[in-house]
Amino acid sequence: MKNIEDLKRFLISTFPEEEIILFGSRARGDASQHSDIDVAIRGKEKLKRALAEARFVIEESRLPYKVDLVDLSQAPYLETVIEKEGVVWH
């Protein structure tokens, strides 16, 4: 994976049943060249293992950005941010 579109495709294929939401500076449109990518996953079940595996694949990829993957069931405080600025990828 080399770019954000590759990341999006990877996450959709990895989490086909979950909602995938971009948030943070990249969703707001005020990201700098070095901004990380914030992505929330909203699923029906605990995603701990799948998120750990996805994080490993992303870290080992050629993607030139840091990616923060968040399980919304473990971070309910982000719901307000997601509602305000989130961009649904899937």
Foldseek 3Di string as FASTA:
>chain_A
DAEPVVLLVVVCVLCVQWWKKWFDCVLVVNDDPAAATEIETEDPDDCVVSVVVSQVVVVPDNYNYHYHYHHCVVVVVCPVRCVVRIDISD
